[in-house]
């Protein structure tokens, strides 16, 4: 199957989000763009990753409202390392 027409699995999407946060993206919109996702999907993935303890979400006060920021957890870093190692061993492209 052609790579351009291939849909990403939920796992691939989650790993892409974790990688974006690990690599320095902390704002939801920036993460969404880095992972090439819609806003609705981004929100669902954030919820799943926070619920599983792979990301931490914190609200930062800004004027009369607050903004969300995401940080990868130790567990999230371990998951990324595990799948990167598996990818290297299996030589998946």
C-alpha atoms as a PDB file:
ATOM      1  CA  UNK A   1       0.000   0.000   0.000  1.00  0.00           C
ATOM      2  CA  UNK A   2       1.204   3.501  -0.834  1.00  0.00           C
ATOM      3  CA  UNK A   3       2.526   5.406   2.229  1.00  0.00           C
ATOM      4  CA  UNK A   4       0.689   8.629   1.321  1.00  0.00           C
ATOM      5  CA  UNK A   5      -2.675   6.834   1.450  1.00  0.00           C
ATOM      6  CA  UNK A   6      -1.971   4.846   4.597  1.00  0.00           C
ATOM      7  CA  UNK A   7      -3.932   5.802   7.691  1.00  0.00           C
ATOM      8  CA  UNK A   8      -2.005   5.972  10.936  1.00  0.00           C
ATOM      9  CA  UNK A   9      -2.911   3.648  13.747  1.00  0.00           C
ATOM     10  CA  UNK A  10      -3.885   5.006  17.149  1.00  0.00           C
ATOM     11  CA  UNK A  11      -0.511   3.787  18.425  1.00  0.00           C
ATOM     12  CA  UNK A  12       1.365   5.700  15.709  1.00  0.00           C
ATOM     13  CA  UNK A  13      -0.603   8.852  16.493  1.00  0.00           C
ATOM     14  CA  UNK A  14       0.050   8.547  20.221  1.00  0.00           C
ATOM     15  CA  UNK A  15       3.771   7.964  19.663  1.00  0.00           C
ATOM     16  CA  UNK A  16       3.908  10.996  17.352  1.00  0.00           C
ATOM     17  CA  UNK A  17       2.306  13.178  20.032  1.00  0.00           C
ATOM     18  CA  UNK A  18       4.650  11.848  22.712  1.00  0.00           C
ATOM     19  CA  UNK A  19       7.634  12.523  20.438  1.00  0.00           C
ATOM     20  CA  UNK A  20       6.471  16.079  19.748  1.00  0.00           C
ATOM     21  CA  UNK A  21       6.165  16.816  23.463  1.00  0.00           C
ATOM     22  CA  UNK A  22       9.507  15.159  24.223  1.00  0.00           C
ATOM     23  CA  UNK A  23      11.096  17.288  21.495  1.00  0.00           C
ATOM     24  CA  UNK A  24       9.895  20.540  23.063  1.00  0.00           C
ATOM     25  CA  UNK A  25       6.338  21.243  21.942  1.00  0.00           C
ATOM     26  CA  UNK A  26       4.169  21.997  24.983  1.00  0.00           C
ATOM     27  CA  UNK A  27       1.287  24.047  23.590  1.00  0.00           C
ATOM     28  CA  UNK A  28      -1.753  22.058  22.374  1.00  0.00           C
ATOM     29  CA  UNK A  29      -1.948  23.789  18.996  1.00  0.00           C
ATOM     30  CA  UNK A  30       1.769  23.337  18.305  1.00  0.00           C
ATOM     31  CA  UNK A  31       1.495  19.642  19.217  1.00  0.00           C
ATOM     32  CA  UNK A  32      -1.526  19.301  16.933  1.00  0.00           C
ATOM     33  CA  UNK A  33       0.430  20.771  13.997  1.00  0.00           C
ATOM     34  CA  UNK A  34       3.538  18.693  14.758  1.00  0.00           C
ATOM     35  CA  UNK A  35       1.437  15.514  14.753  1.00  0.00           C
ATOM     36  CA  UNK A  36      -0.646  16.602  11.731  1.00  0.00           C
ATOM     37  CA  UNK A  37      -4.003  16.021  13.439  1.00  0.00           C
ATOM     38  CA  UNK A  38      -7.415  17.651  13.674  1.00  0.00           C
ATOM     39  CA  UNK A  39      -8.344  19.525  16.845  1.00  0.00           C
ATOM     40  CA  UNK A  40     -10.986  16.948  17.872  1.00  0.00           C
ATOM     41  CA  UNK A  41      -8.563  14.049  17.471  1.00  0.00           C
ATOM     42  CA  UNK A  42      -5.894  16.004  19.340  1.00  0.00           C
ATOM     43  CA  UNK A  43      -8.219  16.492  22.309  1.00  0.00           C
ATOM     44  CA  UNK A  44      -9.095  12.768  22.410  1.00  0.00           C
ATOM     45  CA  UNK A  45      -5.426  11.754  22.216  1.00  0.00           C
ATOM     46  CA  UNK A  46      -4.477  14.206  24.998  1.00  0.00           C
ATOM     47  CA  UNK A  47      -7.202  12.737  27.211  1.00  0.00           C
ATOM     48  CA  UNK A  48      -6.012   9.181  26.544  1.00  0.00           C
ATOM     49  CA  UNK A  49      -2.345  10.007  27.133  1.00  0.00           C
ATOM     50  CA  UNK A  50      -3.038  11.907  30.365  1.00  0.00           C
ATOM     51  CA  UNK A  51      -5.368   9.129  31.616  1.00  0.00           C
ATOM     52  CA  UNK A  52      -2.626   6.558  30.967  1.00  0.00           C
ATOM     53  CA  UNK A  53      -0.007   8.643  32.782  1.00  0.00           C
ATOM     54  CA  UNK A  54       2.090   9.262  29.669  1.00  0.00           C
ATOM     55  CA  UNK A  55       1.538  13.034  29.637  1.00  0.00           C
ATOM     56  CA  UNK A  56       0.941  15.565  32.396  1.00  0.00           C
ATOM     57  CA  UNK A  57      -1.355  18.502  31.724  1.00  0.00           C
ATOM     58  CA  UNK A  58      -0.983  21.674  33.727  1.00  0.00           C
ATOM     59  CA  UNK A  59      -2.991  24.874  33.628  1.00  0.00           C
ATOM     60  CA  UNK A  60      -0.884  28.023  33.617  1.00  0.00           C
ATOM     61  CA  UNK A  61      -2.669  31.230  34.720  1.00  0.00           C
ATOM     62  CA  UNK A  62      -2.637  33.907  32.049  1.00  0.00           C
ATOM     63  CA  UNK A  63      -4.543  37.058  32.828  1.00  0.00           C
ATOM     64  CA  UNK A  64      -8.156  36.214  33.600  1.00  0.00           C
ATOM     65  CA  UNK A  65      -7.918  32.722  32.084  1.00  0.00           C
ATOM     66  CA  UNK A  66      -5.508  29.823  32.048  1.00  0.00           C
ATOM     67  CA  UNK A  67      -3.706  28.016  29.273  1.00  0.00           C
ATOM     68  CA  UNK A  68      -2.849  24.334  29.037  1.00  0.00           C
ATOM     69  CA  UNK A  69       0.654  22.967  28.738  1.00  0.00           C
ATOM     70  CA  UNK A  70       1.691  19.342  28.326  1.00  0.00           C
ATOM     71  CA  UNK A  71       4.802  17.608  29.648  1.00  0.00           C
ATOM     72  CA  UNK A  72       5.894  14.049  28.961  1.00  0.00           C
ATOM     73  CA  UNK A  73       6.177  11.825  32.028  1.00  0.00           C
ATOM     74  CA  UNK A  74       8.883   9.294  32.845  1.00  0.00           C
ATOM     75  CA  UNK A  75       6.417   6.578  31.827  1.00  0.00           C
ATOM     76  CA  UNK A  76       5.877   8.374  28.495  1.00  0.00           C
ATOM     77  CA  UNK A  77       9.628   8.522  27.897  1.00  0.00           C
ATOM     78  CA  UNK A  78       9.888   4.795  28.678  1.00  0.00           C
ATOM     79  CA  UNK A  79       7.095   3.985  26.209  1.00  0.00           C
ATOM     80  CA  UNK A  80       8.839   5.992  23.469  1.00  0.00           C
ATOM     81  CA  UNK A  81      12.171   4.305  24.172  1.00  0.00           C
ATOM     82  CA  UNK A  82      10.529   0.862  24.133  1.00  0.00           C
ATOM     83  CA  UNK A  83       8.838   1.386  20.763  1.00  0.00           C
ATOM     84  CA  UNK A  84      11.896   3.056  19.223  1.00  0.00           C
ATOM     85  CA  UNK A  85      14.004   0.066  20.292  1.00  0.00           C
ATOM     86  CA  UNK A  86      11.426  -2.391  18.940  1.00  0.00           C
ATOM     87  CA  UNK A  87      11.314  -0.450  15.660  1.00  0.00           C
ATOM     88  CA  UNK A  88      15.113  -0.615  15.362  1.00  0.00           C
ATOM     89  CA  UNK A  89      15.192  -4.345  16.137  1.00  0.00           C
ATOM     90  CA  UNK A  90      12.457  -5.148  13.647  1.00  0.00           C
ATOM     91  CA  UNK A  91      13.822  -2.699  11.084  1.00  0.00           C
ATOM     92  CA  UNK A  92      10.361  -1.263  10.395  1.00  0.00           C
ATOM     93  CA  UNK A  93      10.256   1.709   8.041  1.00  0.00           C
END
